[in-house]
Amino acid sequence: MIKTNARMDIASRERMDKSDLFRLAIDPVSGKLDLAEDGKGRGIYLAKRIEAVDRFFAKRLYARYGEIQEGLWEKLKSLL
């Protein structure tokens, strides 16, 4: 059963509860993709797992959305 607050992980394409995912969105100031848990607008979701974070950067899954914010990889790793 899919919960109403389920979102799709961009790395695995698996539907997960929103609380198990990082939300990334375009930063309105810099125009780059950054961590935005409560920002407005559309976002992409990434599982809070080391495998998902590694795959996101290794496969350049962010390229479709633009450039990433400086230090995003380290920020995500520290939150795990």
N, C-alpha and C. Protein backbone atom coordinates (compact mmCIF):
# COMPACT_ATOMS: atom_id res chain seq x y z
N MET A 1 0.84 -1.18 0.00
CA MET A 1 0.00 0.00 0.00
C MET A 1 0.89 1.24 0.00
N ILE A 2 0.62 2.17 -0.89
CA ILE A 2 1.38 3.41 -0.99
C ILE A 2 0.74 4.46 -0.11
N LYS A 3 1.56 5.08 0.73
CA LYS A 3 1.07 6.11 1.62
C LYS A 3 0.85 7.40 0.83
N THR A 4 0.06 8.30 1.39
CA THR A 4 -0.23 9.54 0.69
C THR A 4 0.97 10.48 0.64
N ASN A 5 1.94 10.33 1.55
CA ASN A 5 3.11 11.19 1.52
C ASN A 5 4.33 10.47 0.94
N ALA A 6 4.09 9.54 0.03
CA ALA A 6 5.18 8.81 -0.62
C ALA A 6 5.73 9.61 -1.79
N ARG A 7 7.04 9.54 -1.96
CA ARG A 7 7.72 10.20 -3.07
C ARG A 7 8.68 9.19 -3.70
N MET A 8 9.12 9.46 -4.92
CA MET A 8 10.02 8.54 -5.61
C MET A 8 11.47 8.97 -5.44
N ASP A 9 12.29 8.03 -5.04
CA ASP A 9 13.73 8.24 -4.93
C ASP A 9 14.32 8.31 -6.33
N ILE A 10 15.07 9.37 -6.63
CA ILE A 10 15.62 9.55 -7.97
C ILE A 10 16.69 8.51 -8.31
N ALA A 11 17.38 7.99 -7.32
CA ALA A 11 18.46 7.03 -7.56
C ALA A 11 17.95 5.63 -7.85
N SER A 12 16.96 5.18 -7.09
CA SER A 12 16.48 3.80 -7.25
C SER A 12 15.12 3.70 -7.93
N ARG A 13 14.43 4.84 -8.09
CA ARG A 13 13.08 4.90 -8.65
C ARG A 13 12.07 4.15 -7.78
N GLU A 14 12.38 3.99 -6.52
CA GLU A 14 11.53 3.30 -5.55
C GLU A 14 10.70 4.34 -4.79
N ARG A 15 9.42 4.02 -4.57
CA ARG A 15 8.56 4.93 -3.81
C ARG A 15 8.80 4.68 -2.33
N MET A 16 9.03 5.79 -1.62
CA MET A 16 9.35 5.71 -0.19
C MET A 16 8.60 6.81 0.54
N ASP A 17 8.51 6.65 1.85
CA ASP A 17 7.90 7.68 2.68
C ASP A 17 8.76 8.94 2.63
N LYS A 18 8.13 10.09 2.62
CA LYS A 18 8.82 11.37 2.49
C LYS A 18 9.86 11.59 3.59
N SER A 19 9.63 11.04 4.77
CA SER A 19 10.56 11.22 5.89
C SER A 19 11.86 10.46 5.69
N ASP A 20 11.90 9.51 4.76
CA ASP A 20 13.10 8.73 4.48
C ASP A 20 13.90 9.28 3.31
N LEU A 21 13.55 10.49 2.86
CA LEU A 21 14.17 11.08 1.68
C LEU A 21 14.70 12.48 1.95
N PHE A 22 15.78 12.83 1.26
CA PHE A 22 16.24 14.22 1.21
C PHE A 22 15.46 14.90 0.11
N ARG A 23 15.15 16.18 0.28
CA ARG A 23 14.50 16.96 -0.77
C ARG A 23 15.51 17.95 -1.31
N LEU A 24 15.72 17.90 -2.61
CA LEU A 24 16.65 18.82 -3.28
C LEU A 24 15.85 19.70 -4.22
N ALA A 25 16.17 20.98 -4.26
CA ALA A 25 15.47 21.92 -5.13
C ALA A 25 16.44 22.97 -5.63
N ILE A 26 16.03 23.70 -6.65
CA ILE A 26 16.85 24.78 -7.19
C ILE A 26 16.83 25.95 -6.20
N ASP A 27 18.00 26.38 -5.78
CA ASP A 27 18.14 27.53 -4.89
C ASP A 27 17.83 28.80 -5.68
N PRO A 28 16.86 29.61 -5.24
CA PRO A 28 16.49 30.80 -6.01
C PRO A 28 17.60 31.85 -6.10
N VAL A 29 18.52 31.86 -5.16
CA VAL A 29 19.59 32.85 -5.16
C VAL A 29 20.70 32.47 -6.13
N SER A 30 21.21 31.25 -5.99
CA SER A 30 22.34 30.82 -6.82
C SER A 30 21.91 30.13 -8.12
N GLY A 31 20.67 29.62 -8.14
CA GLY A 31 20.20 28.91 -9.32
C GLY A 31 20.75 27.50 -9.44
N LYS A 32 21.31 26.99 -8.34
CA LYS A 32 21.89 25.65 -8.34
C LYS A 32 21.10 24.72 -7.43
N LEU A 33 21.22 23.43 -7.68
CA LEU A 33 20.53 22.41 -6.90
C LEU A 33 21.13 22.31 -5.51
N ASP A 34 20.30 22.38 -4.47
CA ASP A 34 20.78 22.32 -3.09
C ASP A 34 19.72 21.67 -2.21
N LEU A 35 20.12 21.33 -1.01
CA LEU A 35 19.23 20.73 -0.02
C LEU A 35 18.19 21.77 0.38
N ALA A 36 16.91 21.42 0.29
CA ALA A 36 15.82 22.36 0.60
C ALA A 36 14.66 21.59 1.18
N GLU A 37 14.76 21.24 2.44
CA GLU A 37 13.73 20.42 3.09
C GLU A 37 12.35 21.08 3.06
N ASP A 38 12.27 22.38 3.23
CA ASP A 38 10.97 23.02 3.30
C ASP A 38 10.81 24.16 2.30
N GLY A 39 11.61 24.15 1.26
CA GLY A 39 11.53 25.20 0.25
C GLY A 39 10.28 25.08 -0.60
N LYS A 40 9.95 26.16 -1.27
CA LYS A 40 8.80 26.15 -2.16
C LYS A 40 9.20 25.63 -3.52
N GLY A 41 8.23 25.24 -4.31
CA GLY A 41 8.48 24.77 -5.66
C GLY A 41 8.69 23.28 -5.72
N ARG A 42 8.94 22.82 -6.92
CA ARG A 42 9.13 21.39 -7.14
C ARG A 42 10.52 20.98 -6.72
N GLY A 43 10.62 19.77 -6.24
CA GLY A 43 11.91 19.27 -5.81
C GLY A 43 12.11 17.85 -6.30
N ILE A 44 13.31 17.35 -6.12
CA ILE A 44 13.59 15.94 -6.39
C ILE A 44 13.96 15.31 -5.05
N TYR A 45 13.76 14.02 -4.96
CA TYR A 45 13.95 13.33 -3.70
C TYR A 45 15.02 12.26 -3.84
N LEU A 46 15.83 12.15 -2.79
CA LEU A 46 16.95 11.22 -2.75
C LEU A 46 16.92 10.48 -1.43
N ALA A 47 17.00 9.15 -1.48
CA ALA A 47 16.92 8.33 -0.27
C ALA A 47 18.05 8.67 0.69
N LYS A 48 17.75 8.59 1.96
CA LYS A 48 18.75 8.84 3.00
C LYS A 48 19.56 7.56 3.24
N ARG A 49 20.24 7.13 2.19
CA ARG A 49 21.10 5.94 2.25
C ARG A 49 22.39 6.27 1.51
N ILE A 50 23.49 5.74 1.98
CA ILE A 50 24.80 6.01 1.38
C ILE A 50 24.85 5.55 -0.07
N GLU A 51 24.20 4.43 -0.40
CA GLU A 51 24.19 3.91 -1.76
C GLU A 51 23.49 4.88 -2.71
N ALA A 52 22.40 5.47 -2.25
CA ALA A 52 21.64 6.40 -3.09
C ALA A 52 22.43 7.67 -3.35
N VAL A 53 23.08 8.19 -2.32
CA VAL A 53 23.87 9.42 -2.47
C VAL A 53 25.04 9.17 -3.42
N ASP A 54 25.72 8.05 -3.25
CA ASP A 54 26.84 7.71 -4.14
C ASP A 54 26.39 7.56 -5.59
N ARG A 55 25.26 6.90 -5.80
CA ARG A 55 24.75 6.70 -7.16
C ARG A 55 24.32 8.03 -7.79
N PHE A 56 23.71 8.90 -6.99
CA PHE A 56 23.26 10.20 -7.47
C PHE A 56 24.43 11.00 -8.06
N PHE A 57 25.58 10.95 -7.40
CA PHE A 57 26.74 11.70 -7.89
C PHE A 57 27.54 10.92 -8.93
N ALA A 58 27.65 9.61 -8.79
CA ALA A 58 28.42 8.81 -9.75
C ALA A 58 27.76 8.79 -11.12
N LYS A 59 26.45 8.67 -11.17
CA LYS A 59 25.71 8.62 -12.43
C LYS A 59 25.29 10.01 -12.93
N ARG A 60 25.65 11.05 -12.18
CA ARG A 60 25.30 12.43 -12.52
C ARG A 60 23.79 12.59 -12.75
N LEU A 61 23.00 12.02 -11.84
CA LEU A 61 21.55 12.11 -11.97
C LEU A 61 21.04 13.53 -11.80
N TYR A 62 21.84 14.39 -11.24
CA TYR A 62 21.47 15.78 -11.05
C TYR A 62 21.59 16.61 -12.33
N ALA A 63 22.29 16.12 -13.33
CA ALA A 63 22.59 16.90 -14.55
C ALA A 63 21.33 17.40 -15.26
N ARG A 64 20.28 16.67 -15.16
CA ARG A 64 19.02 17.05 -15.80
C ARG A 64 18.41 18.31 -15.18
N TYR A 65 18.77 18.58 -13.93
CA TYR A 65 18.18 19.69 -13.19
C TYR A 65 19.09 20.90 -13.12
N GLY A 66 20.32 20.77 -13.54
CA GLY A 66 21.27 21.88 -13.51
C GLY A 66 22.50 21.54 -12.68
N GLU A 67 23.26 22.56 -12.40
CA GLU A 67 24.47 22.39 -11.59
C GLU A 67 24.12 22.19 -10.12
N ILE A 68 25.04 21.55 -9.39
CA ILE A 68 24.82 21.34 -7.96
C ILE A 68 25.54 22.42 -7.16
N GLN A 69 25.03 22.68 -5.99
CA GLN A 69 25.64 23.65 -5.07
C GLN A 69 26.97 23.10 -4.57
N GLU A 70 27.94 23.95 -4.41
CA GLU A 70 29.25 23.58 -3.90
C GLU A 70 29.11 22.94 -2.52
N GLY A 71 29.71 21.78 -2.32
CA GLY A 71 29.70 21.11 -1.03
C GLY A 71 28.46 20.28 -0.75
N LEU A 72 27.61 20.07 -1.75
CA LEU A 72 26.38 19.30 -1.53
C LEU A 72 26.67 17.86 -1.15
N TRP A 73 27.66 17.25 -1.80
CA TRP A 73 28.00 15.86 -1.50
C TRP A 73 28.40 15.70 -0.04
N GLU A 74 29.25 16.60 0.46
CA GLU A 74 29.69 16.52 1.85
C GLU A 74 28.53 16.77 2.82
N LYS A 75 27.64 17.69 2.45
CA LYS A 75 26.49 18.00 3.30
C LYS A 75 25.57 16.79 3.43
N LEU A 76 25.30 16.11 2.31
CA LEU A 76 24.42 14.94 2.35
C LEU A 76 25.07 13.81 3.14
N LYS A 77 26.37 13.58 2.93
CA LYS A 77 27.08 12.51 3.65
C LYS A 77 27.06 12.76 5.16
N SER A 78 27.20 14.02 5.57
CA SER A 78 27.23 14.33 7.00
C SER A 78 25.85 14.13 7.66
N LEU A 79 24.78 14.22 6.88
CA LEU A 79 23.44 14.05 7.43
C LEU A 79 23.00 12.59 7.56
N LEU A 80 23.78 11.68 7.00
CA LEU A 80 23.41 10.26 7.06
C LEU A 80 23.70 9.65 8.41
